[in-house]
Amino acid sequence: MQRTHQGGHRNGPQLGRHQMTNTTMHVATVRMQLFLVFLLFLGLKLRGDIDWSWWLVTLPLWGDIALALSVLMVAGLAAATFAWIKGRRR
C-alpha cells in the first residue's frame, strides 16, 4: 500500500501515529488470548489439576514461532524449486 506524505493511506482513512489498524488489533487480541490460555494451563499444572506434559502447557506460546518457521520453510522450498528449474533450463 502506498503512503502519502501525511502518513495516511492512499484512498483510505489517515491514521494517527499511535492508532492501530484493525488487523494489528486483531493480532494483539489473539496473542493476548493465547497468553491467557497459557497462564490458565500453567496455573492448573502447578496446582496439580492437570497431568499434562510441559510441552502441552506451553503450546499456546509456540504460535508465533510455528508461523515464522512455516514461512521460512515455504520460502526455502520456493527458492530451491526455482533454483532447480533454472538449473534444468541450462
N, C-alpha and C. Protein backbone atom coordinates (compact mmCIF):
# COMPACT_ATOMS: atom_id res chain seq x y z
N MET A 1 0.83 -1.17 0.00
CA MET A 1 0.00 0.00 0.00
C MET A 1 0.88 1.24 0.00
N GLN A 2 0.56 2.20 -0.81
CA GLN A 2 1.35 3.41 -0.86
C GLN A 2 0.91 4.38 0.22
N ARG A 3 1.85 5.08 0.77
CA ARG A 3 1.54 6.08 1.79
C ARG A 3 1.75 7.47 1.23
N THR A 4 0.95 8.39 1.71
CA THR A 4 1.14 9.78 1.30
C THR A 4 2.09 10.44 2.28
N HIS A 5 2.48 11.66 1.99
CA HIS A 5 3.41 12.35 2.87
C HIS A 5 2.79 12.71 4.22
N GLN A 6 1.46 12.69 4.35
CA GLN A 6 0.82 12.96 5.62
C GLN A 6 0.80 11.73 6.52
N GLY A 7 1.22 10.58 6.03
CA GLY A 7 1.23 9.37 6.84
C GLY A 7 -0.02 8.53 6.68
N GLY A 8 -0.99 9.00 5.92
CA GLY A 8 -2.21 8.23 5.72
C GLY A 8 -2.08 7.30 4.54
N HIS A 9 -3.04 6.43 4.38
CA HIS A 9 -3.05 5.53 3.24
C HIS A 9 -3.66 6.24 2.04
N ARG A 10 -3.14 5.92 0.89
CA ARG A 10 -3.73 6.44 -0.33
C ARG A 10 -5.13 5.88 -0.46
N ASN A 11 -6.14 6.61 -0.66
CA ASN A 11 -7.52 6.16 -0.79
C ASN A 11 -8.09 5.58 0.50
N GLY A 12 -7.57 5.91 1.64
CA GLY A 12 -8.09 5.37 2.89
C GLY A 12 -8.02 6.40 3.99
N PRO A 13 -8.54 6.04 5.16
CA PRO A 13 -8.51 6.99 6.26
C PRO A 13 -7.08 7.20 6.75
N GLN A 14 -6.81 8.39 7.22
CA GLN A 14 -5.49 8.67 7.75
C GLN A 14 -5.47 8.26 9.22
N LEU A 15 -4.43 7.53 9.58
CA LEU A 15 -4.30 7.06 10.94
C LEU A 15 -3.26 7.88 11.68
N GLY A 16 -3.54 8.17 12.93
CA GLY A 16 -2.57 8.86 13.76
C GLY A 16 -1.39 7.95 14.04
N ARG A 17 -0.36 8.52 14.59
CA ARG A 17 0.88 7.75 14.82
C ARG A 17 0.66 6.60 15.79
N HIS A 18 -0.22 6.76 16.77
CA HIS A 18 -0.39 5.76 17.81
C HIS A 18 -1.67 4.94 17.66
N GLN A 19 -2.39 5.12 16.58
CA GLN A 19 -3.60 4.34 16.37
C GLN A 19 -3.25 3.03 15.69
N MET A 20 -4.00 1.99 16.04
CA MET A 20 -3.76 0.68 15.47
C MET A 20 -4.81 0.37 14.41
N THR A 21 -4.40 -0.36 13.39
CA THR A 21 -5.36 -0.79 12.38
C THR A 21 -6.14 -1.97 12.93
N ASN A 22 -7.19 -2.36 12.25
CA ASN A 22 -8.00 -3.50 12.69
C ASN A 22 -7.18 -4.77 12.71
N THR A 23 -6.32 -4.98 11.72
CA THR A 23 -5.50 -6.19 11.66
C THR A 23 -4.53 -6.24 12.83
N THR A 24 -3.90 -5.12 13.12
CA THR A 24 -2.96 -5.07 14.24
C THR A 24 -3.68 -5.32 15.56
N MET A 25 -4.86 -4.78 15.71
CA MET A 25 -5.64 -5.00 16.94
C MET A 25 -6.04 -6.47 17.05
N HIS A 26 -6.41 -7.08 15.92
CA HIS A 26 -6.80 -8.49 15.93
C HIS A 26 -5.62 -9.37 16.34
N VAL A 27 -4.45 -9.11 15.78
CA VAL A 27 -3.26 -9.90 16.12
C VAL A 27 -2.92 -9.73 17.59
N ALA A 28 -2.99 -8.51 18.09
CA ALA A 28 -2.71 -8.27 19.51
C ALA A 28 -3.71 -8.98 20.40
N THR A 29 -4.97 -9.00 20.00
CA THR A 29 -6.01 -9.67 20.78
C THR A 29 -5.78 -11.18 20.80
N VAL A 30 -5.46 -11.75 19.66
CA VAL A 30 -5.21 -13.19 19.60
C VAL A 30 -4.00 -13.56 20.46
N ARG A 31 -2.94 -12.76 20.37
CA ARG A 31 -1.75 -13.03 21.20
C ARG A 31 -2.08 -12.97 22.68
N MET A 32 -2.88 -11.98 23.07
CA MET A 32 -3.25 -11.85 24.48
C MET A 32 -4.09 -13.04 24.93
N GLN A 33 -5.01 -13.48 24.08
CA GLN A 33 -5.84 -14.63 24.42
C GLN A 33 -4.99 -15.89 24.57
N LEU A 34 -4.03 -16.09 23.68
CA LEU A 34 -3.16 -17.25 23.79
C LEU A 34 -2.31 -17.19 25.06
N PHE A 35 -1.85 -16.00 25.42
CA PHE A 35 -1.08 -15.86 26.64
C PHE A 35 -1.94 -16.16 27.87
N LEU A 36 -3.19 -15.71 27.84
CA LEU A 36 -4.09 -16.01 28.96
C LEU A 36 -4.38 -17.51 29.06
N VAL A 37 -4.51 -18.18 27.92
CA VAL A 37 -4.69 -19.64 27.94
C VAL A 37 -3.45 -20.31 28.54
N PHE A 38 -2.27 -19.82 28.16
CA PHE A 38 -1.04 -20.35 28.75
C PHE A 38 -1.04 -20.17 30.26
N LEU A 39 -1.40 -18.98 30.74
CA LEU A 39 -1.44 -18.74 32.18
C LEU A 39 -2.43 -19.67 32.87
N LEU A 40 -3.57 -19.91 32.24
CA LEU A 40 -4.55 -20.85 32.79
C LEU A 40 -3.96 -22.25 32.89
N PHE A 41 -3.35 -22.72 31.79
CA PHE A 41 -2.72 -24.05 31.79
C PHE A 41 -1.62 -24.13 32.83
N LEU A 42 -0.83 -23.08 32.95
CA LEU A 42 0.27 -23.05 33.92
C LEU A 42 -0.27 -23.17 35.34
N GLY A 43 -1.30 -22.41 35.64
CA GLY A 43 -1.89 -22.48 36.97
C GLY A 43 -2.46 -23.86 37.28
N LEU A 44 -3.14 -24.44 36.31
CA LEU A 44 -3.70 -25.78 36.51
C LEU A 44 -2.59 -26.82 36.69
N LYS A 45 -1.52 -26.68 35.94
CA LYS A 45 -0.39 -27.61 36.04
C LYS A 45 0.29 -27.49 37.41
N LEU A 46 0.52 -26.26 37.84
CA LEU A 46 1.20 -26.05 39.12
C LEU A 46 0.35 -26.48 40.31
N ARG A 47 -0.96 -26.37 40.18
CA ARG A 47 -1.85 -26.83 41.25
C ARG A 47 -2.02 -28.34 41.25
N GLY A 48 -1.64 -28.98 40.15
CA GLY A 48 -1.79 -30.42 40.05
C GLY A 48 -3.13 -30.87 39.53
N ASP A 49 -3.92 -29.93 39.00
CA ASP A 49 -5.24 -30.28 38.46
C ASP A 49 -5.15 -31.01 37.12
N ILE A 50 -4.09 -30.77 36.38
CA ILE A 50 -3.88 -31.48 35.11
C ILE A 50 -2.52 -32.15 35.15
N ASP A 51 -2.42 -33.27 34.48
CA ASP A 51 -1.16 -34.02 34.45
C ASP A 51 -0.62 -34.05 33.02
N TRP A 52 -0.57 -32.88 32.42
CA TRP A 52 -0.12 -32.76 31.04
C TRP A 52 1.39 -32.60 31.00
N SER A 53 1.94 -32.89 29.83
CA SER A 53 3.35 -32.60 29.56
C SER A 53 3.54 -31.09 29.54
N TRP A 54 4.76 -30.65 29.89
CA TRP A 54 5.05 -29.22 29.83
C TRP A 54 4.98 -28.70 28.40
N TRP A 55 5.19 -29.56 27.42
CA TRP A 55 5.05 -29.15 26.02
C TRP A 55 3.62 -28.70 25.74
N LEU A 56 2.65 -29.44 26.27
CA LEU A 56 1.25 -29.06 26.06
C LEU A 56 0.89 -27.80 26.83
N VAL A 57 1.46 -27.64 28.02
CA VAL A 57 1.17 -26.45 28.82
C VAL A 57 1.68 -25.20 28.11
N THR A 58 2.86 -25.29 27.51
CA THR A 58 3.45 -24.11 26.85
C THR A 58 3.05 -23.98 25.38
N LEU A 59 2.24 -24.87 24.88
CA LEU A 59 1.84 -24.86 23.47
C LEU A 59 1.26 -23.52 23.00
N PRO A 60 0.44 -22.83 23.78
CA PRO A 60 -0.07 -21.54 23.30
C PRO A 60 1.02 -20.50 23.02
N LEU A 61 2.19 -20.66 23.60
CA LEU A 61 3.28 -19.71 23.38
C LEU A 61 4.03 -19.97 22.08
N TRP A 62 3.82 -21.10 21.47
CA TRP A 62 4.59 -21.50 20.30
C TRP A 62 3.98 -21.03 18.98
N GLY A 63 2.85 -20.35 19.00
CA GLY A 63 2.17 -19.95 17.77
C GLY A 63 3.01 -19.07 16.87
N ASP A 64 3.64 -18.03 17.42
CA ASP A 64 4.45 -17.12 16.61
C ASP A 64 5.66 -17.84 16.02
N ILE A 65 6.28 -18.69 16.81
CA ILE A 65 7.46 -19.43 16.34
C ILE A 65 7.06 -20.38 15.22
N ALA A 66 5.94 -21.07 15.39
CA ALA A 66 5.48 -22.01 14.37
C ALA A 66 5.16 -21.28 13.06
N LEU A 67 4.54 -20.12 13.17
CA LEU A 67 4.22 -19.34 11.97
C LEU A 67 5.50 -18.89 11.26
N ALA A 68 6.46 -18.40 12.01
CA ALA A 68 7.72 -17.94 11.41
C ALA A 68 8.46 -19.10 10.73
N LEU A 69 8.50 -20.25 11.40
CA LEU A 69 9.16 -21.42 10.79
C LEU A 69 8.44 -21.89 9.53
N SER A 70 7.13 -21.83 9.54
CA SER A 70 6.36 -22.22 8.36
C SER A 70 6.66 -21.31 7.18
N VAL A 71 6.71 -20.01 7.44
CA VAL A 71 7.01 -19.05 6.37
C VAL A 71 8.42 -19.29 5.83
N LEU A 72 9.38 -19.53 6.72
CA LEU A 72 10.76 -19.80 6.27
C LEU A 72 10.84 -21.09 5.46
N MET A 73 10.11 -22.11 5.88
CA MET A 73 10.13 -23.38 5.14
C MET A 73 9.55 -23.20 3.74
N VAL A 74 8.44 -22.48 3.63
CA VAL A 74 7.82 -22.27 2.32
C VAL A 74 8.74 -21.43 1.44
N ALA A 75 9.37 -20.40 2.00
CA ALA A 75 10.29 -19.57 1.22
C ALA A 75 11.50 -20.39 0.76
N GLY A 76 12.03 -21.23 1.64
CA GLY A 76 13.17 -22.08 1.27
C GLY A 76 12.80 -23.07 0.19
N LEU A 77 11.62 -23.66 0.31
CA LEU A 77 11.15 -24.61 -0.71
C LEU A 77 10.96 -23.91 -2.05
N ALA A 78 10.40 -22.71 -2.02
CA ALA A 78 10.21 -21.95 -3.27
C ALA A 78 11.56 -21.61 -3.90
N ALA A 79 12.52 -21.18 -3.08
CA ALA A 79 13.85 -20.84 -3.60
C ALA A 79 14.54 -22.06 -4.19
N ALA A 80 14.43 -23.20 -3.52
CA ALA A 80 15.04 -24.43 -4.01
C ALA A 80 14.38 -24.87 -5.32
N THR A 81 13.07 -24.73 -5.40
CA THR A 81 12.35 -25.10 -6.63
C THR A 81 12.76 -24.21 -7.79
N PHE A 82 12.84 -22.91 -7.55
CA PHE A 82 13.25 -22.00 -8.62
C PHE A 82 14.69 -22.28 -9.06
N ALA A 83 15.56 -22.57 -8.13
CA ALA A 83 16.95 -22.89 -8.47
C ALA A 83 17.01 -24.18 -9.28
N TRP A 84 16.21 -25.16 -8.92
CA TRP A 84 16.18 -26.43 -9.64
C TRP A 84 15.67 -26.23 -11.06
N ILE A 85 14.60 -25.43 -11.20
CA ILE A 85 14.04 -25.16 -12.53
C ILE A 85 15.07 -24.40 -13.38
N LYS A 86 15.73 -23.43 -12.79
CA LYS A 86 16.74 -22.66 -13.51
C LYS A 86 17.90 -23.55 -13.95
N GLY A 87 18.29 -24.49 -13.11
CA GLY A 87 19.37 -25.42 -13.43
C GLY A 87 19.00 -26.38 -14.56
N ARG A 88 17.75 -26.78 -14.65
CA ARG A 88 17.29 -27.69 -15.70
C ARG A 88 17.26 -27.03 -17.06
N ARG A 89 17.07 -25.72 -17.10
CA ARG A 89 16.96 -25.00 -18.38
C ARG A 89 18.31 -24.86 -19.07
N ARG A 90 19.38 -25.02 -18.35
CA ARG A 90 20.73 -24.84 -18.94
C ARG A 90 21.17 -26.05 -19.70
